[in-house]
Amino acid sequence: MRLLGYTRISTAGQDAQLQLDALVGAGVQKRDVFSDVTSGSKTAKQRPGMRRL
């Protein structure tokens, strides 16, 4: 079974590395992690990384 992951941070000044590390630790390959840098007020449809996921 292929695992997919998603990270989101609100600003470019933040770092998603802890989220990425947790996903990789859970068995998700880095190529299967989708990411967004966007406000939490945006819906899933408004987030490019979520749409790709």
PDB file of N, CA and C in Angstrom:
ATOM      1  N   MET A   1       0.844  -1.169   0.000  1.00  0.00           N
ATOM      2  CA  MET A   1       0.000   0.000   0.000  1.00  0.00           C
ATOM      3  C   MET A   1       0.896   1.242   0.000  1.00  0.00           C
ATOM      4  N   ARG A   2       0.565   2.195  -0.825  1.00  0.00           N
ATOM      5  CA  ARG A   2       1.314   3.453  -0.917  1.00  0.00           C
ATOM      6  C   ARG A   2       0.718   4.474   0.048  1.00  0.00           C
ATOM      7  N   LEU A   3       1.578   5.073   0.857  1.00  0.00           N
ATOM      8  CA  LEU A   3       1.139   6.095   1.807  1.00  0.00           C
ATOM      9  C   LEU A   3       1.388   7.478   1.234  1.00  0.00           C
ATOM     10  N   LEU A   4       0.457   8.380   1.435  1.00  0.00           N
ATOM     11  CA  LEU A   4       0.583   9.766   1.005  1.00  0.00           C
ATOM     12  C   LEU A   4       0.570  10.658   2.233  1.00  0.00           C
ATOM     13  N   GLY A   5       1.212  11.824   2.124  1.00  0.00           N
ATOM     14  CA  GLY A   5       1.252  12.754   3.242  1.00  0.00           C
ATOM     15  C   GLY A   5       1.028  14.179   2.786  1.00  0.00           C
ATOM     16  N   TYR A   6       0.709  15.036   3.731  1.00  0.00           N
ATOM     17  CA  TYR A   6       0.435  16.438   3.437  1.00  0.00           C
ATOM     18  C   TYR A   6       0.962  17.305   4.576  1.00  0.00           C
ATOM     19  N   THR A   7       1.671  18.371   4.219  1.00  0.00           N
ATOM     20  CA  THR A   7       2.124  19.344   5.221  1.00  0.00           C
ATOM     21  C   THR A   7       1.592  20.711   4.839  1.00  0.00           C
ATOM     22  N   ARG A   8       1.356  21.533   5.862  1.00  0.00           N
ATOM     23  CA  ARG A   8       0.939  22.909   5.608  1.00  0.00           C
ATOM     24  C   ARG A   8       1.532  23.814   6.671  1.00  0.00           C
ATOM     25  N   ILE A   9       2.091  24.901   6.212  1.00  0.00           N
ATOM     26  CA  ILE A   9       2.530  25.962   7.114  1.00  0.00           C
ATOM     27  C   ILE A   9       1.866  27.244   6.649  1.00  0.00           C
ATOM     28  N   SER A  10       1.740  28.205   7.546  1.00  0.00           N
ATOM     29  CA  SER A  10       1.022  29.436   7.229  1.00  0.00           C
ATOM     30  C   SER A  10       1.881  30.486   6.552  1.00  0.00           C
ATOM     31  N   THR A  11       3.163  30.527   6.870  1.00  0.00           N
ATOM     32  CA  THR A  11       4.038  31.545   6.293  1.00  0.00           C
ATOM     33  C   THR A  11       5.348  30.926   5.852  1.00  0.00           C
ATOM     34  N   ALA A  12       6.004  31.570   4.911  1.00  0.00           N
ATOM     35  CA  ALA A  12       7.292  31.078   4.420  1.00  0.00           C
ATOM     36  C   ALA A  12       8.354  31.112   5.523  1.00  0.00           C
ATOM     37  N   GLY A  13       8.135  31.894   6.563  1.00  0.00           N
ATOM     38  CA  GLY A  13       9.070  31.969   7.675  1.00  0.00           C
ATOM     39  C   GLY A  13       9.011  30.752   8.594  1.00  0.00           C
ATOM     40  N   GLN A  14       7.998  29.930   8.423  1.00  0.00           N
ATOM     41  CA  GLN A  14       7.869  28.718   9.227  1.00  0.00           C
ATOM     42  C   GLN A  14       8.561  27.557   8.517  1.00  0.00           C
ATOM     43  N   ASP A  15       8.733  26.464   9.219  1.00  0.00           N
ATOM     44  CA  ASP A  15       9.433  25.313   8.670  1.00  0.00           C
ATOM     45  C   ASP A  15       8.570  24.062   8.855  1.00  0.00           C
ATOM     46  N   ALA A  16       8.344  23.346   7.779  1.00  0.00           N
ATOM     47  CA  ALA A  16       7.522  22.136   7.822  1.00  0.00           C
ATOM     48  C   ALA A  16       8.353  20.888   8.105  1.00  0.00           C
ATOM     49  N   GLN A  17       9.612  21.051   8.474  1.00  0.00           N
ATOM     50  CA  GLN A  17      10.501  19.898   8.635  1.00  0.00           C
ATOM     51  C   GLN A  17      10.004  18.900   9.680  1.00  0.00           C
ATOM     52  N   LEU A  18       9.466  19.382  10.794  1.00  0.00           N
ATOM     53  CA  LEU A  18       8.953  18.453  11.811  1.00  0.00           C
ATOM     54  C   LEU A  18       7.797  17.624  11.266  1.00  0.00           C
ATOM     55  N   GLN A  19       6.937  18.259  10.485  1.00  0.00           N
ATOM     56  CA  GLN A  19       5.829  17.529   9.872  1.00  0.00           C
ATOM     57  C   GLN A  19       6.359  16.489   8.888  1.00  0.00           C
ATOM     58  N   LEU A  20       7.317  16.897   8.071  1.00  0.00           N
ATOM     59  CA  LEU A  20       7.913  15.993   7.096  1.00  0.00           C
ATOM     60  C   LEU A  20       8.600  14.822   7.788  1.00  0.00           C
ATOM     61  N   ASP A  21       9.352  15.111   8.829  1.00  0.00           N
ATOM     62  CA  ASP A  21      10.026  14.048   9.579  1.00  0.00           C
ATOM     63  C   ASP A  21       9.019  13.045  10.148  1.00  0.00           C
ATOM     64  N   ALA A  22       7.908  13.543  10.666  1.00  0.00           N
ATOM     65  CA  ALA A  22       6.882  12.654  11.232  1.00  0.00           C
ATOM     66  C   ALA A  22       6.264  11.777  10.148  1.00  0.00           C
ATOM     67  N   LEU A  23       6.012  12.350   8.988  1.00  0.00           N
ATOM     68  CA  LEU A  23       5.436  11.567   7.894  1.00  0.00           C
ATOM     69  C   LEU A  23       6.406  10.500   7.399  1.00  0.00           C
ATOM     70  N   VAL A  24       7.659  10.882   7.221  1.00  0.00           N
ATOM     71  CA  VAL A  24       8.678   9.917   6.785  1.00  0.00           C
ATOM     72  C   VAL A  24       8.839   8.824   7.838  1.00  0.00           C
ATOM     73  N   GLY A  25       8.809   9.205   9.104  1.00  0.00           N
ATOM     74  CA  GLY A  25       8.897   8.231  10.182  1.00  0.00           C
ATOM     75  C   GLY A  25       7.728   7.262  10.203  1.00  0.00           C
ATOM     76  N   ALA A  26       6.590   7.714   9.681  1.00  0.00           N
ATOM     77  CA  ALA A  26       5.403   6.856   9.620  1.00  0.00           C
ATOM     78  C   ALA A  26       5.387   5.993   8.359  1.00  0.00           C
ATOM     79  N   GLY A  27       6.415   6.163   7.519  1.00  0.00           N
ATOM     80  CA  GLY A  27       6.523   5.314   6.336  1.00  0.00           C
ATOM     81  C   GLY A  27       6.188   5.969   5.018  1.00  0.00           C
ATOM     82  N   VAL A  28       5.895   7.266   5.025  1.00  0.00           N
ATOM     83  CA  VAL A  28       5.603   7.981   3.776  1.00  0.00           C
ATOM     84  C   VAL A  28       6.923   8.356   3.115  1.00  0.00           C
ATOM     85  N   GLN A  29       7.059   8.068   1.834  1.00  0.00           N
ATOM     86  CA  GLN A  29       8.259   8.456   1.116  1.00  0.00           C
ATOM     87  C   GLN A  29       8.178   9.944   0.781  1.00  0.00           C
ATOM     88  N   LYS A  30       9.315  10.626   0.783  1.00  0.00           N
ATOM     89  CA  LYS A  30       9.338  12.077   0.558  1.00  0.00           C
ATOM     90  C   LYS A  30       8.657  12.465  -0.748  1.00  0.00           C
ATOM     91  N   ARG A  31       8.789  11.629  -1.777  1.00  0.00           N
ATOM     92  CA  ARG A  31       8.174  11.954  -3.068  1.00  0.00           C
ATOM     93  C   ARG A  31       6.649  11.937  -2.995  1.00  0.00           C
ATOM     94  N   ASP A  32       6.102  11.337  -1.931  1.00  0.00           N
ATOM     95  CA  ASP A  32       4.661  11.226  -1.772  1.00  0.00           C
ATOM     96  C   ASP A  32       4.096  12.206  -0.748  1.00  0.00           C
ATOM     97  N   VAL A  33       4.877  13.235  -0.422  1.00  0.00           N
ATOM     98  CA  VAL A  33       4.414  14.272   0.503  1.00  0.00           C
ATOM     99  C   VAL A  33       4.095  15.526  -0.303  1.00  0.00           C
ATOM    100  N   PHE A  34       2.900  16.032  -0.129  1.00  0.00           N
ATOM    101  CA  PHE A  34       2.441  17.240  -0.797  1.00  0.00           C
ATOM    102  C   PHE A  34       2.405  18.350   0.242  1.00  0.00           C
ATOM    103  N   SER A  35       2.730  19.566  -0.186  1.00  0.00           N
ATOM    104  CA  SER A  35       2.889  20.658   0.781  1.00  0.00           C
ATOM    105  C   SER A  35       2.233  21.942   0.296  1.00  0.00           C
ATOM    106  N   ASP A  36       1.845  22.750   1.260  1.00  0.00           N
ATOM    107  CA  ASP A  36       1.333  24.095   0.987  1.00  0.00           C
ATOM    108  C   ASP A  36       1.897  25.070   1.999  1.00  0.00           C
ATOM    109  N   VAL A  37       2.102  26.289   1.549  1.00  0.00           N
ATOM    110  CA  VAL A  37       2.395  27.424   2.422  1.00  0.00           C
ATOM    111  C   VAL A  37       1.231  28.375   2.209  1.00  0.00           C
ATOM    112  N   THR A  38       0.251  28.283   3.091  1.00  0.00           N
ATOM    113  CA  THR A  38      -0.963  29.080   2.932  1.00  0.00           C
ATOM    114  C   THR A  38      -1.690  29.205   4.264  1.00  0.00           C
ATOM    115  N   SER A  39      -2.524  30.169   4.345  1.00  0.00           N
ATOM    116  CA  SER A  39      -3.299  30.423   5.549  1.00  0.00           C
ATOM    117  C   SER A  39      -4.247  29.265   5.853  1.00  0.00           C
ATOM    118  N   GLY A  40      -4.483  29.040   7.109  1.00  0.00           N
ATOM    119  CA  GLY A  40      -5.435  28.021   7.527  1.00  0.00           C
ATOM    120  C   GLY A  40      -6.861  28.380   7.187  1.00  0.00           C
ATOM    121  N   SER A  41      -7.110  29.635   6.799  1.00  0.00           N
ATOM    122  CA  SER A  41      -8.465  30.043   6.445  1.00  0.00           C
ATOM    123  C   SER A  41      -8.851  29.613   5.036  1.00  0.00           C
ATOM    124  N   LYS A  42      -7.884  29.152   4.248  1.00  0.00           N
ATOM    125  CA  LYS A  42      -8.177  28.682   2.888  1.00  0.00           C
ATOM    126  C   LYS A  42      -8.795  27.292   2.956  1.00  0.00           C
ATOM    127  N   THR A  43      -9.760  27.044   2.085  1.00  0.00           N
ATOM    128  CA  THR A  43     -10.368  25.718   2.028  1.00  0.00           C
ATOM    129  C   THR A  43      -9.436  24.765   1.298  1.00  0.00           C
ATOM    130  N   ALA A  44      -9.691  23.481   1.421  1.00  0.00           N
ATOM    131  CA  ALA A  44      -8.848  22.476   0.766  1.00  0.00           C
ATOM    132  C   ALA A  44      -8.792  22.705  -0.740  1.00  0.00           C
ATOM    133  N   LYS A  45      -9.894  23.126  -1.334  1.00  0.00           N
ATOM    134  CA  LYS A  45      -9.932  23.368  -2.780  1.00  0.00           C
ATOM    135  C   LYS A  45      -9.032  24.529  -3.190  1.00  0.00           C
ATOM    136  N   GLN A  46      -8.741  25.416  -2.270  1.00  0.00           N
ATOM    137  CA  GLN A  46      -7.909  26.587  -2.560  1.00  0.00           C
ATOM    138  C   GLN A  46      -6.420  26.316  -2.344  1.00  0.00           C
ATOM    139  N   ARG A  47      -6.065  25.137  -1.911  1.00  0.00           N
ATOM    140  CA  ARG A  47      -4.667  24.794  -1.615  1.00  0.00           C
ATOM    141  C   ARG A  47      -4.112  23.897  -2.728  1.00  0.00           C
ATOM    142  N   PRO A  48      -3.129  24.380  -3.491  1.00  0.00           N
ATOM    143  CA  PRO A  48      -2.592  23.591  -4.608  1.00  0.00           C
ATOM    144  C   PRO A  48      -2.051  22.219  -4.193  1.00  0.00           C
ATOM    145  N   GLY A  49      -1.336  22.163  -3.083  1.00  0.00           N
ATOM    146  CA  GLY A  49      -0.796  20.888  -2.624  1.00  0.00           C
ATOM    147  C   GLY A  49      -1.887  19.896  -2.264  1.00  0.00           C
ATOM    148  N   MET A  50      -2.931  20.381  -1.655  1.00  0.00           N
ATOM    149  CA  MET A  50      -4.057  19.505  -1.298  1.00  0.00           C
ATOM    150  C   MET A  50      -4.770  19.005  -2.545  1.00  0.00           C
ATOM    151  N   ARG A  51      -4.913  19.864  -3.537  1.00  0.00           N
ATOM    152  CA  ARG A  51      -5.548  19.436  -4.799  1.00  0.00           C
ATOM    153  C   ARG A  51      -4.726  18.342  -5.470  1.00  0.00           C
ATOM    154  N   ARG A  52      -3.369  18.504  -5.483  1.00  0.00           N
ATOM    155  CA  ARG A  52      -2.520  17.481  -6.086  1.00  0.00           C
ATOM    156  C   ARG A  52      -2.606  16.163  -5.322  1.00  0.00           C
ATOM    157  N   LEU A  53      -2.722  16.265  -4.012  1.00  0.00           N
ATOM    158  CA  LEU A  53      -2.834  15.071  -3.181  1.00  0.00           C
ATOM    159  C   LEU A  53      -4.069  14.291  -3.579  1.00  0.00           C
TER     160      LEU A  53
END
